[in-house]
């Protein structure tokens, strides 16, 4: 695809964001993300504590704090510490199915939202879509755990390589950028998996790469800007009291959902411009007016 055509696709994506009510869809998604976030984090945290990594639980929380707003991160840290740390074994033995079902609710909502982005109707029955949502929980969880592992092990591995191979100081300076890049690649693969599996369309896996790159880039940028805004300007605790942390978390999840949908809109537009784009498994809809989602 030529640069000019790609620019036209971006322009049409901007139009589709308004036509498909993407901001409203992101607001609806934020509700379902809140409902499924803690079950998903509890499950992943419980699994991560079994990985052969030093102090993986606390290091994981410290890494999350780079993206999640400060007050909200305090809430997340407290919930995970109260639930996972003292009951790790019992949780994986008895709470696995319930937590997995609750965590997959966010992916079920994302599947409907991505169908809107691709302008297709959902024709798959519930007994197909819910297992897909559960499968997405595992697949995306795997990629995110890999990204997390790279971030935790990366610094020590770089030091080991420098000492083992007697590498110069340049390696010590370059390596942090390399392992950050590897972690971002795993995150992009997680979003690609979402775009490939979730919508009711047939498409090639690598065809979802442009939207995944845009989505992850937007998510990182928005998380950084929101962090500055929350630290410097906004004080939700004064406005909402004890609910301030929860409100800040929902705002962050709102923009997370928006970034995800923008990437999907771009992929859908690019697919329309290629002969081997996604083939809808249901008749395309000319317009979308409903923004209701079901878990």
Protein backbone atom coordinates (compact mmCIF):
# COMPACT_ATOMS: atom_id res chain seq x y z
CA UNK A 1 0.00 0.00 0.00
CA UNK A 2 1.30 3.44 -0.94
CA UNK A 3 1.92 6.18 1.62
CA UNK A 4 -0.83 8.29 0.07
CA UNK A 5 -3.35 5.47 0.39
CA UNK A 6 -2.29 4.89 3.99
CA UNK A 7 -2.86 8.57 4.70
CA UNK A 8 -6.31 8.34 3.15
CA UNK A 9 -7.03 5.30 5.34
CA UNK A 10 -6.09 7.29 8.43
CA UNK A 11 -8.38 10.11 7.31
CA UNK A 12 -11.27 7.68 6.84
CA UNK A 13 -10.49 6.13 10.21
CA UNK A 14 -11.00 9.54 11.80
CA UNK A 15 -14.41 9.74 10.13
CA UNK A 16 -15.29 6.19 11.23
CA UNK A 17 -14.48 7.07 14.84
CA UNK A 18 -17.38 9.52 14.79
CA UNK A 19 -19.69 7.39 12.65
CA UNK A 20 -19.30 4.31 14.85
CA UNK A 21 -19.59 6.28 18.11
CA UNK A 22 -16.14 5.13 19.22
CA UNK A 23 -15.99 7.43 22.25
CA UNK A 24 -19.34 6.11 23.48
CA UNK A 25 -18.23 2.54 22.81
CA UNK A 26 -15.08 3.17 24.85
CA UNK A 27 -17.24 4.44 27.72
CA UNK A 28 -19.33 1.27 27.60
CA UNK A 29 -16.19 -0.87 27.46
CA UNK A 30 -14.70 0.87 30.50
CA UNK A 31 -17.55 -0.47 32.63
CA UNK A 32 -16.93 -4.05 31.54
CA UNK A 33 -13.17 -3.58 31.86
CA UNK A 34 -13.62 -2.48 35.47
CA UNK A 35 -15.77 -5.54 36.18
CA UNK A 36 -13.22 -7.92 34.64
CA UNK A 37 -9.95 -6.14 35.46
CA UNK A 38 -9.53 -7.36 39.02
CA UNK A 39 -10.44 -11.00 38.28
CA UNK A 40 -7.96 -10.93 35.38
CA UNK A 41 -5.21 -9.36 37.48
CA UNK A 42 -5.88 -11.71 40.38
CA UNK A 43 -5.60 -14.72 38.08
CA UNK A 44 -2.45 -13.48 36.31
CA UNK A 45 -0.85 -12.45 39.60
CA UNK A 46 -1.54 -15.85 41.13
CA UNK A 47 -0.01 -17.57 38.12
CA UNK A 48 2.95 -15.17 38.00
CA UNK A 49 3.90 -15.97 41.60
CA UNK A 50 4.70 -19.53 40.47
CA UNK A 51 7.17 -18.31 37.84
CA UNK A 52 10.87 -18.79 38.70
CA UNK A 53 11.46 -15.05 39.00
CA UNK A 54 12.67 -13.20 42.12
CA UNK A 55 9.95 -11.28 43.97
CA UNK A 56 7.79 -11.38 40.84
CA UNK A 57 4.61 -10.18 42.58
CA UNK A 58 5.99 -6.87 43.87
CA UNK A 59 8.04 -6.26 40.73
CA UNK A 60 4.92 -6.79 38.62
CA UNK A 61 3.04 -4.20 40.66
CA UNK A 62 5.93 -1.75 40.35
CA UNK A 63 5.87 -2.14 36.56
CA UNK A 64 2.10 -1.64 36.46
CA UNK A 65 2.56 1.59 38.41
CA UNK A 66 4.33 3.07 35.37
CA UNK A 67 1.07 2.98 33.41
CA UNK A 68 -1.80 2.97 35.93
CA UNK A 69 -2.66 6.28 37.69
CA UNK A 70 -1.09 6.59 41.13
CA UNK A 71 -4.24 6.58 43.30
CA UNK A 72 -5.74 3.78 41.23
CA UNK A 73 -2.55 1.76 41.53
CA UNK A 74 -2.85 1.98 45.29
CA UNK A 75 -6.31 0.42 45.03
CA UNK A 76 -5.05 -2.30 42.67
CA UNK A 77 -2.09 -3.07 44.91
CA UNK A 78 -4.29 -3.40 47.99
CA UNK A 79 -6.81 -5.72 46.32
CA UNK A 80 -4.16 -7.99 44.84
CA UNK A 81 -2.15 -8.10 48.06
CA UNK A 82 -5.24 -8.97 50.12
CA UNK A 83 -6.51 -11.67 47.75
CA UNK A 84 -3.50 -13.27 46.09
CA UNK A 85 -0.68 -13.26 48.62
CA UNK A 86 -2.31 -15.14 51.52
CA UNK A 87 -4.48 -17.47 49.41
CA UNK A 88 -2.39 -18.26 46.35
CA UNK A 89 -2.76 -22.04 46.42
CA UNK A 90 -6.42 -22.04 47.44
CA UNK A 91 -7.24 -19.49 44.77
CA UNK A 92 -5.80 -21.57 41.93
CA UNK A 93 -7.48 -24.69 43.28
CA UNK A 94 -11.01 -23.45 43.93
CA UNK A 95 -11.49 -20.01 42.41
CA UNK A 96 -10.03 -20.70 38.99
CA UNK A 97 -13.22 -21.16 36.97
CA UNK A 98 -15.14 -18.31 38.55
CA UNK A 99 -12.27 -15.87 38.19
CA UNK A 100 -11.61 -16.96 34.61
CA UNK A 101 -15.29 -16.51 33.71
CA UNK A 102 -15.38 -13.02 35.24
CA UNK A 103 -12.11 -12.04 33.55
CA UNK A 104 -13.40 -13.14 30.15
CA UNK A 105 -16.39 -10.78 30.46
CA UNK A 106 -14.26 -7.87 29.32
CA UNK A 107 -13.21 -9.78 26.22
CA UNK A 108 -16.83 -10.65 25.45
CA UNK A 109 -17.65 -6.95 25.47
CA UNK A 110 -14.56 -6.22 23.37
CA UNK A 111 -15.73 -8.75 20.78
CA UNK A 112 -19.00 -6.85 20.30
CA UNK A 113 -17.20 -3.50 20.16
CA UNK A 114 -14.75 -4.78 17.53
CA UNK A 115 -17.66 -6.05 15.44
CA UNK A 116 -18.92 -2.47 15.38
CA UNK A 117 -15.48 -1.25 14.30
CA UNK A 118 -15.48 -3.76 11.44
CA UNK A 119 -19.13 -2.99 10.55
CA UNK A 120 -20.27 -6.60 10.93
CA UNK A 121 -22.99 -8.26 12.94
CA UNK A 122 -22.36 -10.99 15.49
CA UNK A 123 -23.69 -14.25 14.05
CA UNK A 124 -21.70 -16.63 16.25
CA UNK A 125 -23.77 -18.28 19.01
CA UNK A 126 -23.02 -17.80 22.69
CA UNK A 127 -21.53 -21.27 22.99
CA UNK A 128 -18.86 -20.16 20.51
CA UNK A 129 -18.24 -16.58 21.61
CA UNK A 130 -17.81 -17.26 25.32
CA UNK A 131 -15.18 -19.99 24.83
CA UNK A 132 -13.44 -17.60 22.44
CA UNK A 133 -13.45 -14.94 25.15
CA UNK A 134 -12.00 -17.43 27.64
CA UNK A 135 -9.40 -18.46 25.09
CA UNK A 136 -8.49 -14.81 24.57
CA UNK A 137 -7.95 -14.52 28.32
CA UNK A 138 -5.33 -17.26 28.13
CA UNK A 139 -3.69 -16.09 24.89
CA UNK A 140 -3.45 -12.42 25.81
CA UNK A 141 -2.51 -13.34 29.36
CA UNK A 142 0.39 -15.40 27.98
CA UNK A 143 1.73 -12.54 25.86
CA UNK A 144 1.38 -10.06 28.72
CA UNK A 145 3.16 -12.42 31.12
CA UNK A 146 5.96 -12.74 28.56
CA UNK A 147 6.17 -8.95 28.34
CA UNK A 148 6.22 -8.78 32.13
CA UNK A 149 8.92 -11.45 32.37
CA UNK A 150 11.13 -9.58 29.91
CA UNK A 151 10.78 -6.40 31.95
CA UNK A 152 11.67 -8.17 35.19
CA UNK A 153 14.50 -10.37 33.93
CA UNK A 154 15.80 -7.92 31.31
CA UNK A 155 18.08 -5.76 33.51
CA UNK A 156 19.72 -8.76 35.20
CA UNK A 157 20.10 -10.59 31.90
CA UNK A 158 21.81 -7.54 30.38
CA UNK A 159 24.26 -7.38 33.28
CA UNK A 160 24.94 -11.12 32.97
CA UNK A 161 25.58 -10.82 29.22
CA UNK A 162 27.91 -7.86 29.73
CA UNK A 163 29.97 -9.75 32.30
CA UNK A 164 29.90 -13.08 30.50
CA UNK A 165 30.88 -11.76 27.07
CA UNK A 166 32.94 -8.79 28.32
CA UNK A 167 30.78 -6.34 26.40
CA UNK A 168 31.57 -2.65 26.32
CA UNK A 169 29.76 0.16 28.11
CA UNK A 170 27.76 0.76 24.94
CA UNK A 171 25.91 -2.52 25.56
CA UNK A 172 24.97 -1.40 29.08
CA UNK A 173 23.52 1.78 27.59
CA UNK A 174 21.72 0.10 24.67
CA UNK A 175 20.33 -2.98 26.43
CA UNK A 176 17.51 -1.20 28.38
CA UNK A 177 16.08 0.03 25.07
CA UNK A 178 16.32 -3.48 23.62
CA UNK A 179 14.46 -5.24 26.42
CA UNK A 180 11.84 -2.47 26.53
CA UNK A 181 11.34 -2.98 22.79
CA UNK A 182 10.96 -6.74 23.25
CA UNK A 183 8.34 -6.13 25.94
CA UNK A 184 6.44 -3.75 23.65
CA UNK A 185 6.57 -6.36 20.86
CA UNK A 186 4.88 -8.92 23.13
CA UNK A 187 2.24 -6.32 24.00
CA UNK A 188 1.63 -5.67 20.30
CA UNK A 189 1.27 -9.41 19.73
CA UNK A 190 -1.35 -9.51 22.49
CA UNK A 191 -3.36 -6.78 20.76
CA UNK A 192 -2.90 -8.51 17.40
CA UNK A 193 -4.33 -11.69 18.89
CA UNK A 194 -7.33 -9.70 20.10
CA UNK A 195 -7.92 -8.17 16.66
CA UNK A 196 -7.44 -11.52 14.92
CA UNK A 197 -9.71 -13.65 17.13
CA UNK A 198 -12.35 -11.32 18.54
CA UNK A 199 -14.22 -9.75 15.58
CA UNK A 200 -16.59 -11.81 13.44
CA UNK A 201 -14.38 -11.56 10.34
CA UNK A 202 -11.85 -13.68 8.50
CA UNK A 203 -8.45 -12.04 8.15
CA UNK A 204 -4.76 -12.77 8.17
CA UNK A 205 -2.95 -12.44 11.48
CA UNK A 206 -0.30 -10.05 10.21
CA UNK A 207 -2.93 -7.87 8.56
CA UNK A 208 -3.84 -6.70 12.06
CA UNK A 209 -0.32 -5.40 12.75
CA UNK A 210 -0.83 -1.72 11.74
CA UNK A 211 -3.79 -1.27 14.05
CA UNK A 212 -2.02 -3.09 16.89
CA UNK A 213 1.02 -0.81 16.58
CA UNK A 214 -1.22 2.27 16.57
CA UNK A 215 -3.27 0.99 19.52
CA UNK A 216 -0.24 0.20 21.70
CA UNK A 217 1.44 3.49 20.76
CA UNK A 218 -1.72 5.43 21.63
CA UNK A 219 -2.11 3.49 24.87
CA UNK A 220 1.45 4.19 26.00
CA UNK A 221 1.16 7.86 25.05
CA UNK A 222 -2.24 8.33 26.67
CA UNK A 223 -1.11 6.54 29.85
CA UNK A 224 1.88 8.86 30.07
CA UNK A 225 -0.22 11.99 29.51
CA UNK A 226 -2.87 10.84 31.96
CA UNK A 227 -0.15 10.24 34.54
CA UNK A 228 1.02 13.84 34.14
CA UNK A 229 -2.56 15.11 34.31
CA UNK A 230 -3.42 13.15 37.45
CA UNK A 231 -0.21 14.17 39.22
CA UNK A 232 -0.26 17.85 38.25
CA UNK A 233 -3.84 18.95 37.75
CA UNK A 234 -6.57 16.50 38.74
CA UNK A 235 -7.37 15.50 42.29
CA UNK A 236 -10.27 13.07 42.16
CA UNK A 237 -10.11 12.47 45.90
CA UNK A 238 -11.27 16.04 46.57
CA UNK A 239 -14.19 15.65 44.17
CA UNK A 240 -15.21 12.04 44.70
CA UNK A 241 -13.77 11.31 48.14
CA UNK A 242 -12.92 7.65 48.67
CA UNK A 243 -14.20 6.87 45.15
CA UNK A 244 -11.46 9.01 43.59
CA UNK A 245 -9.12 6.08 42.94
CA UNK A 246 -11.89 4.07 41.28
CA UNK A 247 -12.92 7.03 39.10
CA UNK A 248 -9.32 7.61 38.00
CA UNK A 249 -9.03 3.92 37.14
CA UNK A 250 -12.18 4.08 35.03
CA UNK A 251 -10.85 7.14 33.18
CA UNK A 252 -7.66 5.25 32.40
CA UNK A 253 -9.62 2.19 31.23
CA UNK A 254 -11.82 4.46 29.11
CA UNK A 255 -8.82 5.70 27.14
CA UNK A 256 -7.41 2.17 27.02
CA UNK A 257 -10.61 1.03 25.32
CA UNK A 258 -10.50 4.04 23.01
CA UNK A 259 -6.96 3.21 21.88
CA UNK A 260 -8.01 -0.39 21.23
CA UNK A 261 -10.98 0.69 19.11
CA UNK A 262 -8.95 3.22 17.12
CA UNK A 263 -6.54 0.47 16.11
CA UNK A 264 -9.45 -1.74 15.09
CA UNK A 265 -11.00 1.06 13.02
CA UNK A 266 -7.70 1.52 11.19
CA UNK A 267 -7.41 -2.21 10.48
CA UNK A 268 -10.97 -2.29 9.17
CA UNK A 269 -10.30 0.64 6.85
CA UNK A 270 -7.03 -0.85 5.58
CA UNK A 271 -8.80 -4.15 4.95
CA UNK A 272 -11.33 -2.42 2.71
CA UNK A 273 -8.46 -1.14 0.57
CA UNK A 274 -6.75 -4.50 0.04
CA UNK A 275 -7.95 -7.44 -2.01
CA UNK A 276 -7.07 -9.87 0.78
CA UNK A 277 -8.78 -7.98 3.57
CA UNK A 278 -11.10 -9.53 6.14
CA UNK A 279 -14.18 -11.29 4.84
CA UNK A 280 -17.25 -10.64 7.01
CA UNK A 281 -18.94 -13.76 8.28
CA UNK A 282 -22.20 -11.84 8.37
CA UNK A 283 -23.78 -9.14 6.15
CA UNK A 284 -22.21 -5.74 6.71
CA UNK A 285 -24.27 -3.07 8.42
CA UNK A 286 -24.54 0.33 6.78
CA UNK A 287 -24.63 2.22 10.05
CA UNK A 288 -24.33 1.54 13.74
CA UNK A 289 -26.49 3.31 16.28
CA UNK A 290 -26.47 0.94 19.25
CA UNK A 291 -23.67 1.19 21.76
CA UNK A 292 -25.00 -1.35 24.22
CA UNK A 293 -22.73 -4.24 25.11
CA UNK A 294 -23.42 -7.45 26.94
CA UNK A 295 -20.99 -9.39 29.05
